[in-house]
Amino acid sequence: MALIKILQYPDKRLKRQSVRVETFDDTIQKVIDDMFETRYTTESCAALAATQLDLEIPWSITVIDLSQNNDEPLCLVNPEIVSYEGEQFEYEGCMSVYPNFIQEKVKRAQIITVKAQDRFGEPFELKAEGYLAKCIQHEVDHLNGGLYIDRLPKIKLERISRRVKKQERMQKKGPGEK
C-alpha cells in the first residue's frame, strides 16, 4: 500500500467530477487500499473521496471509518444519495480545505439513504443518520466537484479568507517577530 497526496484548496483538481467505476479490477482494489492507508495515517481524518487525492483518474470512490479503533472501514463506490430527511446544522472541516484550522457550520440532512457498490462491485443500500449521514454527504459533494465551503454564505467565505491570510502571514514571520 502507498500513501496518496491529499490535494489542498485552491487546487483546481478539487473541482473535478468523479469518474464512474465500471470494472472492479486490481487497479481499483489498489486505489481503495491506498485510500484507506492514506485515511488511517492522516490525523483527524474521518473520510476521503478519490477526487481529493492526487490520482490520475478521479474515481467515484469514498472511504470512511468513523470508529475509534479504525476497525469499521466503509467503502462506497459510485454512491448516489436517493433520499434526504430532516436537518442538521453542524461544524465541518475538510482535509483539503485548511485542515485543522477552518471549521464552519453547514446545513445537511439528518438522515439519508445512499445506493452504492462495495469494493467488489456488489450493490447495496445504506440508511445513515447523524455524523455518518453528514460525512457521506460531504464526500459525495467532493465526488460531484464540490467543497463544503461552497455551501457557505459569501460573507463567511470572505471572513475565512482573511483568517487564512492572517495565519499565513504569522507563519512566514519568525519567532518573536510582530
N, C-alpha and C. Protein backbone atom coordinates (compact mmCIF):
# COMPACT_ATOMS: atom_id res chain seq x y z
N MET A 1 0.84 -1.18 0.00
CA MET A 1 0.00 0.00 0.00
C MET A 1 0.88 1.24 0.00
N ALA A 2 0.28 2.34 -0.46
CA ALA A 2 1.02 3.59 -0.55
C ALA A 2 0.12 4.75 -0.16
N LEU A 3 0.75 5.78 0.39
CA LEU A 3 0.00 6.99 0.71
C LEU A 3 -0.21 7.80 -0.56
N ILE A 4 -1.34 8.47 -0.63
CA ILE A 4 -1.65 9.33 -1.77
C ILE A 4 -1.74 10.76 -1.25
N LYS A 5 -1.12 11.69 -1.96
CA LYS A 5 -1.14 13.09 -1.56
C LYS A 5 -2.58 13.61 -1.57
N ILE A 6 -2.95 14.32 -0.51
CA ILE A 6 -4.26 14.96 -0.42
C ILE A 6 -4.14 16.36 -1.04
N LEU A 7 -4.97 16.63 -2.04
CA LEU A 7 -4.96 17.93 -2.70
C LEU A 7 -5.44 19.00 -1.74
N GLN A 8 -4.88 20.20 -1.88
CA GLN A 8 -5.23 21.31 -0.99
C GLN A 8 -5.88 22.45 -1.78
N TYR A 9 -6.94 22.99 -1.22
CA TYR A 9 -7.61 24.16 -1.78
C TYR A 9 -6.59 25.28 -1.91
N PRO A 10 -6.52 25.98 -3.03
CA PRO A 10 -7.45 26.08 -4.15
C PRO A 10 -7.09 25.24 -5.38
N ASP A 11 -6.45 24.10 -5.22
CA ASP A 11 -6.10 23.23 -6.35
C ASP A 11 -7.35 22.98 -7.20
N LYS A 12 -7.26 23.30 -8.48
CA LYS A 12 -8.41 23.19 -9.39
C LYS A 12 -8.90 21.75 -9.55
N ARG A 13 -8.03 20.78 -9.28
CA ARG A 13 -8.45 19.38 -9.42
C ARG A 13 -9.52 19.00 -8.40
N LEU A 14 -9.65 19.77 -7.33
CA LEU A 14 -10.70 19.50 -6.34
C LEU A 14 -12.10 19.72 -6.93
N LYS A 15 -12.19 20.40 -8.04
CA LYS A 15 -13.48 20.68 -8.68
C LYS A 15 -13.83 19.65 -9.77
N ARG A 16 -12.98 18.64 -9.93
CA ARG A 16 -13.26 17.62 -10.95
C ARG A 16 -14.47 16.78 -10.56
N GLN A 17 -15.22 16.37 -11.57
CA GLN A 17 -16.30 15.40 -11.38
C GLN A 17 -15.65 14.01 -11.33
N SER A 18 -16.18 13.16 -10.49
CA SER A 18 -15.63 11.80 -10.39
C SER A 18 -16.00 10.98 -11.62
N VAL A 19 -15.23 9.93 -11.84
CA VAL A 19 -15.43 9.01 -12.96
C VAL A 19 -16.02 7.72 -12.41
N ARG A 20 -17.13 7.31 -12.97
CA ARG A 20 -17.82 6.09 -12.53
C ARG A 20 -16.91 4.87 -12.69
N VAL A 21 -16.89 4.02 -11.67
CA VAL A 21 -16.13 2.77 -11.73
C VAL A 21 -16.99 1.74 -12.44
N GLU A 22 -16.46 1.17 -13.50
CA GLU A 22 -17.19 0.15 -14.27
C GLU A 22 -16.57 -1.23 -14.08
N THR A 23 -15.25 -1.27 -13.90
CA THR A 23 -14.53 -2.53 -13.77
C THR A 23 -13.83 -2.57 -12.41
N PHE A 24 -14.13 -3.57 -11.62
CA PHE A 24 -13.58 -3.69 -10.27
C PHE A 24 -12.36 -4.60 -10.29
N ASP A 25 -11.30 -4.10 -10.93
CA ASP A 25 -10.10 -4.89 -11.15
C ASP A 25 -9.04 -4.60 -10.08
N ASP A 26 -7.84 -5.15 -10.28
CA ASP A 26 -6.75 -4.96 -9.32
C ASP A 26 -6.37 -3.49 -9.16
N THR A 27 -6.49 -2.72 -10.24
CA THR A 27 -6.16 -1.30 -10.17
C THR A 27 -7.09 -0.59 -9.18
N ILE A 28 -8.38 -0.87 -9.27
CA ILE A 28 -9.35 -0.25 -8.35
C ILE A 28 -9.12 -0.74 -6.92
N GLN A 29 -8.81 -2.02 -6.75
CA GLN A 29 -8.55 -2.54 -5.40
C GLN A 29 -7.35 -1.84 -4.77
N LYS A 30 -6.31 -1.58 -5.58
CA LYS A 30 -5.13 -0.88 -5.07
C LYS A 30 -5.47 0.56 -4.70
N VAL A 31 -6.26 1.22 -5.54
CA VAL A 31 -6.67 2.60 -5.23
C VAL A 31 -7.41 2.62 -3.89
N ILE A 32 -8.35 1.69 -3.70
CA ILE A 32 -9.12 1.64 -2.45
C ILE A 32 -8.20 1.36 -1.26
N ASP A 33 -7.30 0.40 -1.40
CA ASP A 33 -6.34 0.10 -0.32
C ASP A 33 -5.50 1.33 0.02
N ASP A 34 -5.01 2.01 -1.01
CA ASP A 34 -4.18 3.20 -0.80
C ASP A 34 -5.00 4.34 -0.17
N MET A 35 -6.27 4.45 -0.56
CA MET A 35 -7.13 5.47 0.05
C MET A 35 -7.33 5.21 1.53
N PHE A 36 -7.58 3.94 1.89
CA PHE A 36 -7.72 3.62 3.32
C PHE A 36 -6.42 3.87 4.06
N GLU A 37 -5.29 3.49 3.47
CA GLU A 37 -3.99 3.73 4.11
C GLU A 37 -3.79 5.22 4.35
N THR A 38 -4.12 6.03 3.37
CA THR A 38 -3.99 7.48 3.50
C THR A 38 -4.92 8.01 4.59
N ARG A 39 -6.15 7.54 4.60
CA ARG A 39 -7.12 7.96 5.62
C ARG A 39 -6.63 7.59 7.02
N TYR A 40 -6.14 6.36 7.18
CA TYR A 40 -5.73 5.90 8.51
C TYR A 40 -4.46 6.58 9.02
N THR A 41 -3.64 7.10 8.14
CA THR A 41 -2.39 7.74 8.58
C THR A 41 -2.50 9.26 8.63
N THR A 42 -3.66 9.81 8.27
CA THR A 42 -3.87 11.25 8.30
C THR A 42 -4.62 11.62 9.57
N GLU A 43 -3.98 12.43 10.40
CA GLU A 43 -4.56 12.81 11.68
C GLU A 43 -5.90 13.52 11.50
N SER A 44 -6.87 13.16 12.33
CA SER A 44 -8.20 13.77 12.36
C SER A 44 -9.00 13.57 11.07
N CYS A 45 -8.68 12.55 10.32
CA CYS A 45 -9.37 12.29 9.05
C CYS A 45 -10.43 11.22 9.25
N ALA A 46 -11.68 11.55 8.92
CA ALA A 46 -12.78 10.59 9.03
C ALA A 46 -13.01 9.87 7.71
N ALA A 47 -12.78 10.58 6.60
CA ALA A 47 -13.11 10.02 5.29
C ALA A 47 -12.35 10.75 4.20
N LEU A 48 -12.27 10.10 3.06
CA LEU A 48 -11.65 10.71 1.88
C LEU A 48 -12.43 10.31 0.64
N ALA A 49 -12.48 11.22 -0.32
CA ALA A 49 -13.03 10.93 -1.64
C ALA A 49 -11.87 10.90 -2.63
N ALA A 50 -11.98 10.08 -3.64
CA ALA A 50 -10.89 9.96 -4.62
C ALA A 50 -10.60 11.29 -5.31
N THR A 51 -11.61 12.14 -5.46
CA THR A 51 -11.41 13.44 -6.11
C THR A 51 -10.56 14.39 -5.26
N GLN A 52 -10.34 14.07 -3.99
CA GLN A 52 -9.49 14.87 -3.11
C GLN A 52 -8.03 14.49 -3.24
N LEU A 53 -7.76 13.45 -3.96
CA LEU A 53 -6.42 12.86 -3.96
C LEU A 53 -5.71 13.05 -5.28
N ASP A 54 -4.39 13.02 -5.21
CA ASP A 54 -3.55 13.19 -6.39
C ASP A 54 -3.55 11.90 -7.21
N LEU A 55 -4.69 11.64 -7.84
CA LEU A 55 -4.86 10.46 -8.68
C LEU A 55 -5.05 10.90 -10.12
N GLU A 56 -4.53 10.10 -11.05
CA GLU A 56 -4.69 10.43 -12.46
C GLU A 56 -6.17 10.42 -12.85
N ILE A 57 -6.91 9.43 -12.36
CA ILE A 57 -8.34 9.34 -12.63
C ILE A 57 -9.08 9.53 -11.31
N PRO A 58 -9.97 10.54 -11.24
CA PRO A 58 -10.71 10.80 -10.00
C PRO A 58 -11.93 9.87 -9.89
N TRP A 59 -11.70 8.66 -9.49
CA TRP A 59 -12.76 7.65 -9.44
C TRP A 59 -13.88 8.05 -8.48
N SER A 60 -15.06 7.50 -8.70
CA SER A 60 -16.21 7.72 -7.82
C SER A 60 -16.13 6.74 -6.65
N ILE A 61 -15.20 7.03 -5.75
CA ILE A 61 -14.93 6.17 -4.59
C ILE A 61 -14.74 7.05 -3.36
N THR A 62 -15.34 6.64 -2.26
CA THR A 62 -15.05 7.28 -0.98
C THR A 62 -14.81 6.21 0.07
N VAL A 63 -13.88 6.49 0.97
CA VAL A 63 -13.60 5.58 2.08
C VAL A 63 -13.87 6.32 3.38
N ILE A 64 -14.49 5.61 4.32
CA ILE A 64 -14.92 6.20 5.58
C ILE A 64 -14.63 5.20 6.70
N ASP A 65 -14.20 5.72 7.83
CA ASP A 65 -14.14 4.91 9.05
C ASP A 65 -14.30 5.86 10.23
N LEU A 66 -15.45 5.78 10.88
CA LEU A 66 -15.74 6.68 12.00
C LEU A 66 -15.47 6.05 13.35
N SER A 67 -14.93 4.83 13.35
CA SER A 67 -14.70 4.11 14.61
C SER A 67 -13.46 4.65 15.34
N GLN A 68 -13.46 4.51 16.65
CA GLN A 68 -12.33 4.93 17.48
C GLN A 68 -11.07 4.13 17.16
N ASN A 69 -11.25 2.85 16.85
CA ASN A 69 -10.11 1.95 16.64
C ASN A 69 -9.77 1.71 15.18
N ASN A 70 -10.37 2.49 14.28
CA ASN A 70 -10.12 2.31 12.85
C ASN A 70 -10.37 0.88 12.40
N ASP A 71 -11.48 0.31 12.85
CA ASP A 71 -11.75 -1.09 12.50
C ASP A 71 -13.14 -1.29 11.89
N GLU A 72 -13.72 -0.20 11.35
CA GLU A 72 -15.02 -0.30 10.69
C GLU A 72 -14.97 0.39 9.33
N PRO A 73 -14.13 -0.11 8.42
CA PRO A 73 -14.00 0.55 7.12
C PRO A 73 -15.28 0.43 6.30
N LEU A 74 -15.64 1.53 5.66
CA LEU A 74 -16.79 1.57 4.77
C LEU A 74 -16.32 2.16 3.45
N CYS A 75 -16.50 1.42 2.38
CA CYS A 75 -16.13 1.89 1.05
C CYS A 75 -17.40 2.03 0.23
N LEU A 76 -17.61 3.21 -0.33
CA LEU A 76 -18.75 3.47 -1.20
C LEU A 76 -18.21 3.75 -2.60
N VAL A 77 -18.58 2.89 -3.54
CA VAL A 77 -18.19 3.08 -4.93
C VAL A 77 -19.44 3.49 -5.70
N ASN A 78 -19.30 4.52 -6.52
CA ASN A 78 -20.41 5.06 -7.31
C ASN A 78 -21.62 5.40 -6.43
N PRO A 79 -21.41 6.09 -5.30
CA PRO A 79 -22.53 6.37 -4.40
C PRO A 79 -23.51 7.39 -4.99
N GLU A 80 -24.77 7.17 -4.65
CA GLU A 80 -25.83 8.09 -5.06
C GLU A 80 -26.80 8.21 -3.88
N ILE A 81 -26.95 9.42 -3.39
CA ILE A 81 -27.90 9.64 -2.30
C ILE A 81 -29.30 9.72 -2.91
N VAL A 82 -30.19 8.82 -2.44
CA VAL A 82 -31.52 8.72 -3.05
C VAL A 82 -32.62 9.31 -2.18
N SER A 83 -32.34 9.57 -0.90
CA SER A 83 -33.35 10.23 -0.07
C SER A 83 -32.68 11.02 1.04
N TYR A 84 -33.34 12.10 1.40
CA TYR A 84 -32.88 13.00 2.46
C TYR A 84 -34.03 13.24 3.42
N GLU A 85 -33.74 13.23 4.73
CA GLU A 85 -34.77 13.50 5.74
C GLU A 85 -34.17 14.38 6.83
N GLY A 86 -35.00 15.27 7.35
CA GLY A 86 -34.58 16.08 8.49
C GLY A 86 -33.46 17.03 8.15
N GLU A 87 -32.90 17.60 9.21
CA GLU A 87 -31.89 18.63 9.03
C GLU A 87 -30.94 18.64 10.22
N GLN A 88 -29.67 18.88 9.93
CA GLN A 88 -28.68 19.12 10.98
C GLN A 88 -27.82 20.28 10.53
N PHE A 89 -27.34 21.05 11.48
CA PHE A 89 -26.52 22.22 11.20
C PHE A 89 -25.32 22.13 12.13
N GLU A 90 -24.26 21.49 11.64
CA GLU A 90 -23.11 21.16 12.48
C GLU A 90 -21.81 21.65 11.84
N TYR A 91 -20.77 21.71 12.66
CA TYR A 91 -19.45 22.09 12.15
C TYR A 91 -18.89 21.00 11.25
N GLU A 92 -18.22 21.44 10.20
CA GLU A 92 -17.50 20.54 9.30
C GLU A 92 -16.11 21.10 9.05
N GLY A 93 -15.20 20.19 8.82
CA GLY A 93 -13.87 20.54 8.37
C GLY A 93 -13.54 19.66 7.18
N CYS A 94 -12.37 19.85 6.62
CA CYS A 94 -12.01 19.08 5.43
C CYS A 94 -10.49 18.97 5.34
N MET A 95 -10.03 17.79 4.97
CA MET A 95 -8.59 17.56 4.81
C MET A 95 -8.01 18.35 3.64
N SER A 96 -8.87 18.84 2.74
CA SER A 96 -8.41 19.61 1.59
C SER A 96 -8.60 21.12 1.75
N VAL A 97 -9.26 21.55 2.81
CA VAL A 97 -9.55 22.97 3.00
C VAL A 97 -9.03 23.40 4.37
N TYR A 98 -7.77 23.81 4.41
CA TYR A 98 -7.13 24.27 5.64
C TYR A 98 -7.41 23.32 6.80
N PRO A 99 -6.97 22.07 6.67
CA PRO A 99 -7.26 21.08 7.71
C PRO A 99 -6.77 21.54 9.08
N ASN A 100 -7.54 21.19 10.09
CA ASN A 100 -7.24 21.51 11.48
C ASN A 100 -7.17 23.02 11.75
N PHE A 101 -7.70 23.83 10.82
CA PHE A 101 -7.67 25.27 11.02
C PHE A 101 -9.06 25.88 10.82
N ILE A 102 -9.75 25.47 9.78
CA ILE A 102 -11.06 26.05 9.47
C ILE A 102 -12.14 25.00 9.65
N GLN A 103 -13.13 25.33 10.44
CA GLN A 103 -14.35 24.53 10.56
C GLN A 103 -15.52 25.51 10.58
N GLU A 104 -16.55 25.18 9.83
CA GLU A 104 -17.73 26.04 9.75
C GLU A 104 -18.98 25.19 9.81
N LYS A 105 -20.07 25.81 10.26
CA LYS A 105 -21.35 25.10 10.32
C LYS A 105 -21.95 25.00 8.91
N VAL A 106 -22.43 23.80 8.59
CA VAL A 106 -23.03 23.53 7.29
C VAL A 106 -24.35 22.80 7.52
N LYS A 107 -25.36 23.17 6.74
CA LYS A 107 -26.66 22.51 6.84
C LYS A 107 -26.65 21.26 5.96
N ARG A 108 -27.02 20.14 6.57
CA ARG A 108 -27.09 18.84 5.88
C ARG A 108 -28.36 18.13 6.32
N ALA A 109 -28.70 17.07 5.60
CA ALA A 109 -29.82 16.22 6.01
C ALA A 109 -29.40 15.41 7.23
N GLN A 110 -30.32 15.14 8.13
CA GLN A 110 -30.06 14.34 9.32
C GLN A 110 -29.99 12.85 8.98
N ILE A 111 -30.85 12.43 8.04
CA ILE A 111 -30.92 11.02 7.64
C ILE A 111 -30.88 10.96 6.12
N ILE A 112 -30.08 10.05 5.60
CA ILE A 112 -30.02 9.84 4.15
C ILE A 112 -30.09 8.35 3.84
N THR A 113 -30.46 8.06 2.62
CA THR A 113 -30.31 6.71 2.09
C THR A 113 -29.40 6.83 0.88
N VAL A 114 -28.37 6.00 0.84
CA VAL A 114 -27.42 6.02 -0.26
C VAL A 114 -27.38 4.65 -0.91
N LYS A 115 -27.38 4.66 -2.24
CA LYS A 115 -27.16 3.44 -3.01
C LYS A 115 -25.73 3.50 -3.52
N ALA A 116 -25.03 2.38 -3.41
CA ALA A 116 -23.63 2.33 -3.82
C ALA A 116 -23.27 0.90 -4.16
N GLN A 117 -22.00 0.72 -4.49
CA GLN A 117 -21.44 -0.61 -4.67
C GLN A 117 -20.30 -0.75 -3.68
N ASP A 118 -20.05 -1.98 -3.24
CA ASP A 118 -18.90 -2.20 -2.38
C ASP A 118 -17.65 -2.28 -3.26
N ARG A 119 -16.52 -2.52 -2.66
CA ARG A 119 -15.26 -2.51 -3.40
C ARG A 119 -15.16 -3.61 -4.46
N PHE A 120 -16.06 -4.59 -4.40
CA PHE A 120 -16.06 -5.68 -5.38
C PHE A 120 -17.17 -5.54 -6.41
N GLY A 121 -17.93 -4.44 -6.33
CA GLY A 121 -18.98 -4.18 -7.31
C GLY A 121 -20.37 -4.63 -6.90
N GLU A 122 -20.50 -5.18 -5.70
CA GLU A 122 -21.82 -5.63 -5.24
C GLU A 122 -22.65 -4.43 -4.80
N PRO A 123 -23.85 -4.28 -5.36
CA PRO A 123 -24.69 -3.14 -4.97
C PRO A 123 -25.27 -3.31 -3.57
N PHE A 124 -25.44 -2.20 -2.88
CA PHE A 124 -26.08 -2.21 -1.57
C PHE A 124 -26.72 -0.85 -1.32
N GLU A 125 -27.57 -0.82 -0.33
CA GLU A 125 -28.24 0.41 0.08
C GLU A 125 -27.99 0.60 1.57
N LEU A 126 -27.73 1.81 1.97
CA LEU A 126 -27.40 2.11 3.36
C LEU A 126 -28.22 3.31 3.82
N LYS A 127 -28.87 3.16 4.96
CA LYS A 127 -29.55 4.29 5.60
C LYS A 127 -28.61 4.79 6.69
N ALA A 128 -28.27 6.06 6.63
CA ALA A 128 -27.32 6.64 7.59
C ALA A 128 -27.94 7.86 8.24
N GLU A 129 -27.55 8.10 9.49
CA GLU A 129 -28.05 9.29 10.17
C GLU A 129 -26.93 9.93 10.97
N GLY A 130 -27.18 11.17 11.38
CA GLY A 130 -26.23 11.89 12.20
C GLY A 130 -24.89 12.11 11.52
N TYR A 131 -23.83 11.82 12.27
CA TYR A 131 -22.47 12.09 11.78
C TYR A 131 -22.15 11.31 10.51
N LEU A 132 -22.57 10.05 10.43
CA LEU A 132 -22.30 9.27 9.22
C LEU A 132 -23.03 9.87 8.03
N ALA A 133 -24.26 10.30 8.21
CA ALA A 133 -25.01 10.93 7.11
C ALA A 133 -24.31 12.20 6.65
N LYS A 134 -23.85 13.00 7.61
CA LYS A 134 -23.13 14.23 7.28
C LYS A 134 -21.86 13.92 6.51
N CYS A 135 -21.14 12.92 6.97
CA CYS A 135 -19.88 12.53 6.35
C CYS A 135 -20.09 12.06 4.90
N ILE A 136 -21.09 11.22 4.69
CA ILE A 136 -21.37 10.73 3.34
C ILE A 136 -21.75 11.88 2.42
N GLN A 137 -22.58 12.80 2.91
CA GLN A 137 -22.97 13.95 2.09
C GLN A 137 -21.75 14.79 1.72
N HIS A 138 -20.85 14.99 2.68
CA HIS A 138 -19.62 15.75 2.44
C HIS A 138 -18.78 15.08 1.34
N GLU A 139 -18.62 13.76 1.44
CA GLU A 139 -17.80 13.04 0.47
C GLU A 139 -18.47 12.99 -0.91
N VAL A 140 -19.79 12.83 -0.95
CA VAL A 140 -20.49 12.85 -2.24
C VAL A 140 -20.37 14.23 -2.89
N ASP A 141 -20.39 15.29 -2.08
CA ASP A 141 -20.12 16.63 -2.63
C ASP A 141 -18.77 16.64 -3.34
N HIS A 142 -17.73 16.09 -2.69
CA HIS A 142 -16.41 16.01 -3.32
C HIS A 142 -16.49 15.28 -4.66
N LEU A 143 -17.17 14.15 -4.68
CA LEU A 143 -17.25 13.35 -5.91
C LEU A 143 -17.96 14.11 -7.02
N ASN A 144 -18.80 15.07 -6.64
CA ASN A 144 -19.51 15.90 -7.61
C ASN A 144 -18.79 17.22 -7.89
N GLY A 145 -17.55 17.34 -7.42
CA GLY A 145 -16.76 18.54 -7.69
C GLY A 145 -17.02 19.69 -6.73
N GLY A 146 -17.61 19.40 -5.57
CA GLY A 146 -17.93 20.45 -4.62
C GLY A 146 -17.13 20.35 -3.34
N LEU A 147 -17.05 21.47 -2.64
CA LEU A 147 -16.41 21.55 -1.33
C LEU A 147 -17.42 22.09 -0.34
N TYR A 148 -17.23 21.77 0.93
CA TYR A 148 -18.20 22.24 1.91
C TYR A 148 -18.25 23.76 1.98
N ILE A 149 -17.15 24.42 1.68
CA ILE A 149 -17.15 25.88 1.72
C ILE A 149 -18.02 26.47 0.62
N ASP A 150 -18.31 25.71 -0.42
CA ASP A 150 -19.22 26.17 -1.47
C ASP A 150 -20.63 26.38 -0.92
N ARG A 151 -20.94 25.76 0.19
CA ARG A 151 -22.27 25.85 0.81
C ARG A 151 -22.39 27.02 1.79
N LEU A 152 -21.29 27.76 1.98
CA LEU A 152 -21.28 28.85 2.95
C LEU A 152 -21.67 30.17 2.30
N PRO A 153 -22.26 31.09 3.08
CA PRO A 153 -22.56 32.42 2.56
C PRO A 153 -21.27 33.15 2.18
N LYS A 154 -21.37 34.04 1.20
CA LYS A 154 -20.20 34.77 0.69
C LYS A 154 -19.47 35.52 1.81
N ILE A 155 -20.21 36.12 2.71
CA ILE A 155 -19.59 36.88 3.80
C ILE A 155 -18.72 35.98 4.69
N LYS A 156 -19.17 34.75 4.90
CA LYS A 156 -18.37 33.80 5.69
C LYS A 156 -17.09 33.41 4.94
N LEU A 157 -17.20 33.23 3.63
CA LEU A 157 -16.03 32.90 2.82
C LEU A 157 -15.00 34.03 2.88
N GLU A 158 -15.47 35.27 2.85
CA GLU A 158 -14.55 36.41 2.94
C GLU A 158 -13.86 36.44 4.30
N ARG A 159 -14.60 36.14 5.36
CA ARG A 159 -14.02 36.10 6.70
C ARG A 159 -12.96 34.99 6.79
N ILE A 160 -13.26 33.83 6.22
CA ILE A 160 -12.31 32.72 6.20
C ILE A 160 -11.05 33.14 5.46
N SER A 161 -11.22 33.78 4.31
CA SER A 161 -10.08 34.22 3.51
C SER A 161 -9.18 35.15 4.31
N ARG A 162 -9.78 36.08 5.05
CA ARG A 162 -8.98 36.99 5.89
C ARG A 162 -8.24 36.23 6.98
N ARG A 163 -8.91 35.27 7.62
CA ARG A 163 -8.27 34.47 8.68
C ARG A 163 -7.09 33.68 8.12
N VAL A 164 -7.29 33.09 6.94
CA VAL A 164 -6.23 32.29 6.32
C VAL A 164 -5.04 33.17 5.96
N LYS A 165 -5.30 34.33 5.38
CA LYS A 165 -4.21 35.23 5.02
C LYS A 165 -3.44 35.68 6.26
N LYS A 166 -4.16 35.96 7.33
CA LYS A 166 -3.51 36.35 8.59
C LYS A 166 -2.65 35.20 9.11
N GLN A 167 -3.19 33.99 9.08
CA GLN A 167 -2.45 32.81 9.53
C GLN A 167 -1.19 32.61 8.70
N GLU A 168 -1.31 32.79 7.38
CA GLU A 168 -0.14 32.63 6.50
C GLU A 168 0.92 33.67 6.81
N ARG A 169 0.51 34.92 7.07
CA ARG A 169 1.48 35.97 7.44
C ARG A 169 2.19 35.62 8.74
N MET A 170 1.42 35.11 9.71
CA MET A 170 2.00 34.74 11.01
C MET A 170 3.02 33.61 10.85
N GLN A 171 2.72 32.66 9.97
CA GLN A 171 3.63 31.53 9.78
C GLN A 171 4.91 31.95 9.07
N LYS A 172 4.84 32.99 8.22
CA LYS A 172 6.02 33.45 7.50
C LYS A 172 6.98 34.20 8.41
N LYS A 173 6.44 34.83 9.45
CA LYS A 173 7.29 35.57 10.38
C LYS A 173 8.02 34.60 11.29
N GLY A 174 9.21 34.97 11.66
CA GLY A 174 9.98 34.14 12.57
C GLY A 174 9.54 34.32 14.01
N PRO A 175 10.08 33.51 14.93
CA PRO A 175 9.72 33.62 16.35
C PRO A 175 10.05 35.02 16.88
N GLY A 176 9.13 35.60 17.61
CA GLY A 176 9.35 36.89 18.24
C GLY A 176 9.09 38.08 17.34
N GLU A 177 8.86 37.87 16.05
CA GLU A 177 8.57 38.99 15.14
C GLU A 177 7.11 39.39 15.27
N LYS A 178 6.85 40.67 15.01
CA LYS A 178 5.47 41.16 15.04
C LYS A 178 5.02 41.55 13.67
